[in-house]
Amino acid sequence: MKDYQKSITVNNSPSEVYAAITEHIQDWWSDDFSGGAAQKGDQYNIAFGETKKTFEIIEAIPDQKIVWLCLKAHIDMQALKKKDEWVGTRLIWTITSDDNGTILTFLHEGLNQNFECYNVCEAGWDYFIDSLQAFLTTGKGTPYQKQKARLEWEEKK
């Protein structure tokens, strides 16, 4: 069973790509973020409405690789029987370079079609990896925005 993986190539330096993953998560993934993600041992919380996750940085090699371990997860989807299936998965970011630029390869180790949430999570990662690429190329990503989501929810009431 193949785990979710996606690569992007950008013109940014490896250090800029590493900084986007360690210091600018709220600029491309979710602005509902607390904690740190810059060095081994750091932990952070991230949320998308009632979907909440906690990660620990278990490996950090500047400009080359960073690994997040999911410690806690609650995926707020009624259809899911197992709302914490991300727990124990590892999110591995690998940075390399070639003549075309800096290549960022993302592997969500453990996230495969055996997971109930796979289709939704795959679509989510596709969206947020595109957001990360936009952040790196234009300086502006399309993260989940807590305030915007609250306003949209209130408008629907």
Protein backbone atom coordinates (compact mmCIF):
# COMPACT_ATOMS: atom_id res chain seq x y z
CA MET A 1 0.00 0.00 0.00
CA LYS A 2 1.55 3.25 -1.15
CA ASP A 3 1.74 6.16 1.31
CA TYR A 4 0.82 9.70 0.23
CA GLN A 5 3.76 11.44 -1.45
CA LYS A 6 4.12 14.60 -3.49
CA SER A 7 7.06 16.65 -4.77
CA ILE A 8 7.31 20.25 -5.89
CA THR A 9 10.18 22.15 -7.49
CA VAL A 10 10.74 25.83 -6.70
CA ASN A 11 13.39 28.45 -7.43
CA ASN A 12 13.88 29.19 -3.71
CA SER A 13 17.03 28.20 -1.89
CA PRO A 14 17.00 25.09 0.32
CA SER A 15 17.18 27.37 3.39
CA GLU A 16 14.06 29.28 2.27
CA VAL A 17 12.19 26.01 1.73
CA TYR A 18 13.32 24.72 5.13
CA ALA A 19 12.19 27.98 6.77
CA ALA A 20 8.74 27.67 5.14
CA ILE A 21 8.30 24.23 6.73
CA THR A 22 9.74 25.12 10.14
CA GLU A 23 8.82 28.78 10.69
CA HIS A 24 5.92 29.64 8.36
CA ILE A 25 3.41 26.79 8.77
CA GLN A 26 0.64 29.30 9.49
CA ASP A 27 1.32 30.99 6.13
CA TRP A 28 0.47 27.92 4.04
CA TRP A 29 -1.24 25.24 6.23
CA SER A 30 -3.32 26.81 9.04
CA ASP A 31 -3.19 30.04 11.01
CA ASP A 32 -4.68 28.17 14.00
CA PHE A 33 -1.17 27.20 15.12
CA SER A 34 0.66 27.27 18.44
CA GLY A 35 4.04 25.99 19.56
CA GLY A 36 7.25 25.57 17.60
CA ALA A 37 8.42 23.45 14.68
CA ALA A 38 12.00 24.64 14.15
CA GLN A 39 14.12 22.08 15.96
CA LYS A 40 14.17 18.51 17.24
CA GLY A 41 11.97 18.16 20.32
CA ASP A 42 9.70 21.10 19.45
CA GLN A 43 5.96 20.43 19.55
CA TYR A 44 3.08 22.28 17.96
CA ASN A 45 -0.69 22.19 17.78
CA ILE A 46 -2.59 22.91 14.60
CA ALA A 47 -6.31 23.05 13.95
CA PHE A 48 -8.79 23.29 11.11
CA GLY A 49 -12.00 24.07 12.94
CA GLU A 50 -12.69 21.06 15.18
CA THR A 51 -10.02 18.96 13.43
CA LYS A 52 -6.98 19.21 15.70
CA LYS A 53 -3.53 17.66 15.64
CA THR A 54 -0.35 17.74 17.76
CA PHE A 55 3.08 17.06 16.28
CA GLU A 56 6.60 16.63 17.62
CA ILE A 57 9.68 17.36 15.55
CA ILE A 58 11.70 14.12 15.72
CA GLU A 59 14.37 14.98 13.15
CA ALA A 60 15.64 18.32 11.91
CA ILE A 61 18.59 18.67 9.53
CA PRO A 62 18.69 22.31 8.39
CA ASP A 63 18.10 22.79 4.66
CA GLN A 64 17.80 19.01 4.10
CA LYS A 65 15.12 17.22 6.09
CA ILE A 66 12.51 17.59 8.81
CA VAL A 67 10.27 14.89 10.27
CA TRP A 68 7.07 15.48 12.23
CA LEU A 69 5.52 12.71 14.34
CA CYS A 70 1.77 12.94 14.94
CA LEU A 71 1.19 12.59 18.69
CA LYS A 72 -2.52 13.45 18.85
CA ALA A 73 -5.22 13.76 16.23
CA HIS A 74 -8.93 14.32 16.03
CA ILE A 75 -10.37 14.47 12.53
CA ASP A 76 -13.80 16.08 12.74
CA MET A 77 -15.69 14.05 10.15
CA GLN A 78 -18.94 12.32 11.08
CA ALA A 79 -18.37 9.47 8.64
CA LEU A 80 -15.07 8.44 10.28
CA LYS A 81 -15.15 5.67 12.85
CA LYS A 82 -11.47 6.19 13.79
CA LYS A 83 -10.98 9.93 14.19
CA ASP A 84 -7.38 9.62 15.45
CA GLU A 85 -5.91 7.50 12.66
CA TRP A 86 -3.07 9.99 12.02
CA VAL A 87 -1.54 9.22 15.45
CA GLY A 88 1.86 7.58 14.95
CA THR A 89 2.20 8.63 11.31
CA ARG A 90 5.31 10.54 10.28
CA LEU A 91 5.37 13.51 7.94
CA ILE A 92 8.75 13.58 6.21
CA TRP A 93 9.95 16.64 4.28
CA THR A 94 13.11 16.11 2.21
CA ILE A 95 14.89 18.97 0.43
CA THR A 96 17.27 18.38 -2.50
CA SER A 97 18.55 20.47 -5.41
CA ASP A 98 19.23 19.94 -9.09
CA ASP A 99 19.64 22.10 -12.19
CA ASN A 100 15.90 22.90 -12.17
CA GLY A 101 15.80 24.28 -8.62
CA THR A 102 15.05 23.09 -5.12
CA ILE A 103 12.95 19.95 -4.86
CA LEU A 104 10.77 19.42 -1.83
CA THR A 105 9.48 15.87 -1.43
CA PHE A 106 6.75 15.26 1.12
CA LEU A 107 5.93 11.76 2.36
CA HIS A 108 3.12 11.18 4.85
CA GLU A 109 4.36 7.81 6.08
CA GLY A 110 1.39 5.67 7.10
CA LEU A 111 -1.26 7.67 5.24
CA ASN A 112 -2.45 5.23 2.60
CA GLN A 113 -5.70 3.80 1.25
CA ASN A 114 -6.15 1.66 4.38
CA PHE A 115 -7.07 4.89 6.21
CA GLU A 116 -10.75 5.83 6.30
CA CYS A 117 -9.78 9.48 5.77
CA TYR A 118 -7.42 8.79 2.84
CA ASN A 119 -9.45 10.41 0.04
CA VAL A 120 -10.20 13.54 2.08
CA CYS A 121 -6.65 13.72 3.45
CA GLU A 122 -5.13 13.21 -0.02
CA ALA A 123 -7.22 16.09 -1.39
CA GLY A 124 -6.28 18.19 1.65
CA TRP A 125 -2.58 17.55 1.19
CA ASP A 126 -2.78 18.29 -2.54
CA TYR A 127 -4.41 21.63 -1.68
CA PHE A 128 -1.94 22.55 1.09
CA ILE A 129 1.17 21.47 -0.85
CA ASP A 130 -0.06 23.76 -3.63
CA SER A 131 -0.50 26.46 -0.95
CA LEU A 132 3.09 25.87 0.21
CA GLN A 133 4.32 26.16 -3.38
CA ALA A 134 2.37 29.42 -3.79
CA PHE A 135 3.84 30.73 -0.52
CA LEU A 136 7.35 29.92 -1.73
CA THR A 137 6.89 31.40 -5.20
CA THR A 138 4.71 34.46 -4.45
CA GLY A 139 5.03 35.00 -0.70
CA LYS A 140 1.33 34.26 -0.21
CA GLY A 141 -0.18 30.84 0.47
CA THR A 142 -3.80 29.80 0.98
CA PRO A 143 -3.84 28.40 4.52
CA TYR A 144 -6.90 27.48 6.53
CA GLN A 145 -7.93 30.73 8.25
CA LYS A 146 -9.62 30.48 11.63
CA GLN A 147 -11.23 33.92 11.47
CA LYS A 148 -12.46 33.49 7.90
CA ALA A 149 -13.97 30.07 8.71
CA ARG A 150 -15.77 31.50 11.74
CA LEU A 151 -17.24 34.33 9.66
CA GLU A 152 -18.39 31.91 6.93
CA TRP A 153 -20.01 29.67 9.56
CA GLU A 154 -21.83 32.62 11.15
CA GLU A 155 -23.11 33.75 7.73
CA LYS A 156 -24.68 30.30 7.19
CA LYS A 157 -26.60 30.44 10.49
